[in-house]
């Protein structure tokens, strides 16, 4: 599913216009990004937690030449799935 399909489904399920659904989805995404980029956790109970994680610098290898190369430390976005979400996915798989 892509964003346009999500907007369609949310609009239909919420009984609202696609434009209103898209605005809400966009604002939610902007808000999560803004707060996670400030090292704040965003927890949606039952869904999951978004957070920034730090990765240490490390040595990697160029796959073409097999030469070692330095990979600098950086921050990445992380998501930990919530209990209800994980259980729903697990039930569907059986």
N, C-alpha and C. Protein backbone atom coordinates (compact mmCIF):
# COMPACT_ATOMS: atom_id res chain seq x y z
N UNK A 1 0.84 -1.17 0.00
CA UNK A 1 0.00 0.00 0.00
C UNK A 1 0.89 1.24 0.00
N UNK A 2 0.55 2.21 -0.83
CA UNK A 2 1.29 3.46 -0.84
C UNK A 2 0.46 4.55 -0.15
N UNK A 3 1.00 5.75 -0.08
CA UNK A 3 0.34 6.83 0.65
C UNK A 3 -1.02 7.18 0.06
N UNK A 4 -1.13 7.22 -1.26
CA UNK A 4 -2.40 7.56 -1.90
C UNK A 4 -3.47 6.53 -1.56
N UNK A 5 -3.09 5.27 -1.54
CA UNK A 5 -4.04 4.22 -1.18
C UNK A 5 -4.45 4.33 0.29
N UNK A 6 -3.49 4.67 1.15
CA UNK A 6 -3.79 4.88 2.57
C UNK A 6 -4.77 6.03 2.74
N UNK A 7 -4.55 7.12 2.04
CA UNK A 7 -5.44 8.28 2.10
C UNK A 7 -6.86 7.87 1.68
N UNK A 8 -6.98 7.12 0.60
CA UNK A 8 -8.29 6.65 0.14
C UNK A 8 -9.01 5.83 1.21
N UNK A 9 -8.29 4.90 1.81
CA UNK A 9 -8.89 4.02 2.82
C UNK A 9 -9.28 4.81 4.06
N UNK A 10 -8.40 5.68 4.53
CA UNK A 10 -8.70 6.48 5.73
C UNK A 10 -9.91 7.39 5.47
N UNK A 11 -9.96 8.02 4.31
CA UNK A 11 -11.10 8.89 3.98
C UNK A 11 -12.40 8.09 3.99
N UNK A 12 -12.37 6.92 3.40
CA UNK A 12 -13.57 6.09 3.34
C UNK A 12 -13.99 5.62 4.73
N UNK A 13 -13.02 5.10 5.52
CA UNK A 13 -13.32 4.58 6.85
C UNK A 13 -13.77 5.69 7.81
N UNK A 14 -13.21 6.89 7.66
CA UNK A 14 -13.55 8.00 8.56
C UNK A 14 -14.75 8.80 8.06
N UNK A 15 -15.20 8.52 6.86
CA UNK A 15 -16.33 9.25 6.30
C UNK A 15 -16.01 10.72 6.06
N UNK A 16 -14.81 10.95 5.55
CA UNK A 16 -14.36 12.32 5.29
C UNK A 16 -13.84 12.41 3.86
N UNK A 17 -13.44 13.60 3.46
CA UNK A 17 -12.90 13.78 2.12
C UNK A 17 -11.46 13.29 2.05
N UNK A 18 -11.02 12.99 0.84
CA UNK A 18 -9.64 12.56 0.65
C UNK A 18 -8.68 13.68 1.04
N UNK A 19 -9.07 14.92 0.74
CA UNK A 19 -8.21 16.06 1.06
C UNK A 19 -8.02 16.19 2.57
N UNK A 20 -9.12 16.05 3.34
CA UNK A 20 -9.01 16.13 4.79
C UNK A 20 -8.17 14.97 5.35
N UNK A 21 -8.39 13.77 4.82
CA UNK A 21 -7.62 12.61 5.27
C UNK A 21 -6.14 12.81 4.97
N UNK A 22 -5.84 13.31 3.78
CA UNK A 22 -4.43 13.55 3.41
C UNK A 22 -3.80 14.60 4.32
N UNK A 23 -4.53 15.66 4.63
CA UNK A 23 -4.00 16.69 5.54
C UNK A 23 -3.68 16.12 6.90
N UNK A 24 -4.56 15.28 7.43
CA UNK A 24 -4.33 14.68 8.75
C UNK A 24 -3.11 13.75 8.71
N UNK A 25 -3.03 12.92 7.69
CA UNK A 25 -1.90 12.00 7.56
C UNK A 25 -0.59 12.78 7.42
N UNK A 26 -0.58 13.82 6.60
CA UNK A 26 0.62 14.64 6.43
C UNK A 26 1.04 15.30 7.73
N UNK A 27 0.09 15.86 8.47
CA UNK A 27 0.42 16.52 9.75
C UNK A 27 0.93 15.52 10.77
N UNK A 28 0.34 14.32 10.78
CA UNK A 28 0.82 13.29 11.70
C UNK A 28 2.27 12.93 11.38
N UNK A 29 2.56 12.73 10.10
CA UNK A 29 3.93 12.38 9.70
C UNK A 29 4.90 13.51 10.02
N UNK A 30 4.52 14.74 9.73
CA UNK A 30 5.38 15.89 10.04
C UNK A 30 5.66 15.99 11.53
N UNK A 31 4.64 15.74 12.35
CA UNK A 31 4.79 15.83 13.80
C UNK A 31 5.72 14.74 14.32
N UNK A 32 5.55 13.52 13.83
CA UNK A 32 6.43 12.42 14.26
C UNK A 32 7.87 12.73 13.87
N UNK A 33 8.09 13.16 12.64
CA UNK A 33 9.44 13.48 12.17
C UNK A 33 10.06 14.60 13.00
N UNK A 34 9.29 15.64 13.26
CA UNK A 34 9.79 16.79 14.03
C UNK A 34 10.25 16.37 15.42
N UNK A 35 9.45 15.58 16.09
CA UNK A 35 9.78 15.21 17.47
C UNK A 35 10.86 14.14 17.55
N UNK A 36 10.87 13.18 16.65
CA UNK A 36 11.92 12.17 16.66
C UNK A 36 13.26 12.81 16.32
N UNK A 37 13.28 13.79 15.42
CA UNK A 37 14.53 14.47 15.07
C UNK A 37 15.09 15.28 16.24
N UNK A 38 14.24 15.56 17.24
CA UNK A 38 14.68 16.26 18.47
C UNK A 38 15.01 15.26 19.58
N UNK A 39 15.19 14.00 19.23
CA UNK A 39 15.49 12.92 20.18
C UNK A 39 14.36 12.63 21.16
N UNK A 40 13.14 12.90 20.75
CA UNK A 40 11.98 12.55 21.57
C UNK A 40 11.38 11.26 21.02
N UNK A 41 10.85 10.45 21.93
CA UNK A 41 10.14 9.24 21.50
C UNK A 41 8.69 9.61 21.23
N UNK A 42 8.12 9.02 20.22
CA UNK A 42 6.70 9.18 19.92
C UNK A 42 6.08 7.79 20.03
N UNK A 43 5.22 7.61 21.03
CA UNK A 43 4.60 6.32 21.29
C UNK A 43 3.12 6.38 20.99
N UNK A 44 2.67 5.50 20.15
CA UNK A 44 1.26 5.33 19.84
C UNK A 44 0.88 3.98 20.44
N UNK A 45 0.23 4.00 21.60
CA UNK A 45 -0.05 2.79 22.35
C UNK A 45 -0.79 1.78 21.46
N UNK A 46 -0.28 0.55 21.45
CA UNK A 46 -0.86 -0.51 20.64
C UNK A 46 -0.31 -0.56 19.23
N UNK A 47 0.26 0.56 18.76
CA UNK A 47 0.81 0.61 17.40
C UNK A 47 2.32 0.45 17.44
N UNK A 48 3.00 1.36 18.17
CA UNK A 48 4.45 1.25 18.28
C UNK A 48 5.10 2.56 18.69
N UNK A 49 6.42 2.53 18.74
CA UNK A 49 7.21 3.68 19.18
C UNK A 49 8.23 4.05 18.11
N UNK A 50 8.26 5.33 17.77
CA UNK A 50 9.25 5.88 16.85
C UNK A 50 10.31 6.57 17.69
N UNK A 51 11.59 6.37 17.35
CA UNK A 51 12.66 7.02 18.09
C UNK A 51 13.92 7.13 17.24
N UNK A 52 14.80 8.05 17.64
CA UNK A 52 16.10 8.19 16.98
C UNK A 52 17.08 7.27 17.69
N UNK A 53 17.89 6.58 16.90
CA UNK A 53 18.90 5.69 17.45
C UNK A 53 20.26 6.09 16.90
N UNK A 54 21.29 5.87 17.70
CA UNK A 54 22.65 6.21 17.27
C UNK A 54 23.37 4.96 16.80
N UNK A 55 24.05 5.09 15.70
CA UNK A 55 24.91 4.02 15.20
C UNK A 55 26.35 4.47 15.34
N UNK A 56 27.20 3.59 15.83
CA UNK A 56 28.62 3.91 16.00
C UNK A 56 29.32 3.87 14.65
N UNK A 57 30.44 4.57 14.59
CA UNK A 57 31.28 4.50 13.39
C UNK A 57 31.84 3.08 13.29
N UNK A 58 32.05 2.63 12.07
CA UNK A 58 32.56 1.27 11.89
C UNK A 58 33.33 1.19 10.58
N UNK A 59 34.01 0.07 10.40
CA UNK A 59 34.74 -0.17 9.17
C UNK A 59 33.92 -1.13 8.32
N UNK A 60 33.70 -0.74 7.08
CA UNK A 60 32.99 -1.59 6.13
C UNK A 60 33.92 -1.98 5.00
N UNK A 61 33.37 -2.59 3.97
CA UNK A 61 34.17 -2.99 2.81
C UNK A 61 33.46 -2.59 1.54
N UNK A 62 34.24 -2.09 0.58
CA UNK A 62 33.72 -1.79 -0.74
C UNK A 62 33.49 -3.14 -1.44
N UNK A 63 32.25 -3.44 -1.83
CA UNK A 63 32.00 -4.77 -2.40
C UNK A 63 32.69 -5.01 -3.74
N UNK A 64 33.01 -3.96 -4.47
CA UNK A 64 33.68 -4.15 -5.77
C UNK A 64 35.16 -4.44 -5.60
N UNK A 65 35.82 -3.67 -4.71
CA UNK A 65 37.28 -3.77 -4.58
C UNK A 65 37.71 -4.52 -3.32
N UNK A 66 36.78 -4.76 -2.42
CA UNK A 66 37.06 -5.40 -1.13
C UNK A 66 37.97 -4.54 -0.24
N UNK A 67 38.11 -3.26 -0.61
CA UNK A 67 38.92 -2.34 0.19
C UNK A 67 38.14 -1.93 1.44
N UNK A 68 38.80 -1.81 2.59
CA UNK A 68 38.10 -1.33 3.78
C UNK A 68 37.77 0.17 3.63
N UNK A 69 36.64 0.58 4.21
CA UNK A 69 36.30 1.99 4.19
C UNK A 69 35.63 2.37 5.50
N UNK A 70 35.79 3.62 5.86
CA UNK A 70 35.25 4.12 7.13
C UNK A 70 33.79 4.53 6.94
N UNK A 71 32.92 4.02 7.79
CA UNK A 71 31.51 4.41 7.79
C UNK A 71 31.31 5.25 9.05
N UNK A 72 30.99 6.54 8.89
CA UNK A 72 30.90 7.42 10.06
C UNK A 72 29.68 7.12 10.93
N UNK A 73 29.74 7.57 12.17
CA UNK A 73 28.62 7.44 13.10
C UNK A 73 27.46 8.29 12.57
N UNK A 74 26.24 7.85 12.86
CA UNK A 74 25.09 8.63 12.44
C UNK A 74 23.88 8.25 13.28
N UNK A 75 22.85 9.06 13.16
CA UNK A 75 21.58 8.78 13.82
C UNK A 75 20.60 8.27 12.76
N UNK A 76 19.81 7.29 13.16
CA UNK A 76 18.82 6.73 12.25
C UNK A 76 17.47 6.67 12.96
N UNK A 77 16.41 6.66 12.19
CA UNK A 77 15.08 6.52 12.75
C UNK A 77 14.81 5.05 13.02
N UNK A 78 14.17 4.79 14.14
CA UNK A 78 13.83 3.41 14.49
C UNK A 78 12.37 3.30 14.86
N UNK A 79 11.83 2.11 14.70
CA UNK A 79 10.43 1.85 15.05
C UNK A 79 10.37 0.52 15.77
N UNK A 80 9.72 0.51 16.93
CA UNK A 80 9.49 -0.73 17.66
C UNK A 80 7.99 -0.97 17.66
N UNK A 81 7.60 -2.10 17.12
CA UNK A 81 6.18 -2.42 16.97
C UNK A 81 5.54 -2.63 18.35
N UNK A 82 4.29 -2.18 18.47
CA UNK A 82 3.53 -2.34 19.70
C UNK A 82 2.95 -3.74 19.82
N UNK A 83 2.56 -4.08 21.03
CA UNK A 83 2.06 -5.43 21.32
C UNK A 83 0.83 -5.78 20.48
N UNK A 84 -0.16 -4.90 20.44
CA UNK A 84 -1.39 -5.20 19.69
C UNK A 84 -1.11 -5.37 18.20
N UNK A 85 -0.26 -4.52 17.66
CA UNK A 85 0.12 -4.58 16.25
C UNK A 85 0.80 -5.93 15.97
N UNK A 86 1.78 -6.28 16.81
CA UNK A 86 2.52 -7.53 16.62
C UNK A 86 1.59 -8.73 16.72
N UNK A 87 0.67 -8.71 17.67
CA UNK A 87 -0.26 -9.83 17.83
C UNK A 87 -1.20 -9.94 16.62
N UNK A 88 -1.66 -8.81 16.11
CA UNK A 88 -2.53 -8.84 14.94
C UNK A 88 -1.82 -9.41 13.72
N UNK A 89 -0.57 -9.05 13.53
CA UNK A 89 0.21 -9.57 12.41
C UNK A 89 0.43 -11.07 12.59
N UNK A 90 0.72 -11.48 13.80
CA UNK A 90 0.97 -12.89 14.07
C UNK A 90 -0.29 -13.73 13.86
N UNK A 91 -1.46 -13.23 14.27
CA UNK A 91 -2.72 -13.95 14.08
C UNK A 91 -3.03 -14.13 12.60
N UNK A 92 -2.78 -13.11 11.80
CA UNK A 92 -3.08 -13.15 10.38
C UNK A 92 -2.22 -14.19 9.66
N UNK A 93 -1.01 -14.40 10.17
CA UNK A 93 -0.09 -15.34 9.54
C UNK A 93 -0.45 -16.79 9.77
N UNK A 94 -1.36 -17.07 10.68
CA UNK A 94 -1.70 -18.46 11.01
C UNK A 94 -2.99 -18.88 10.36
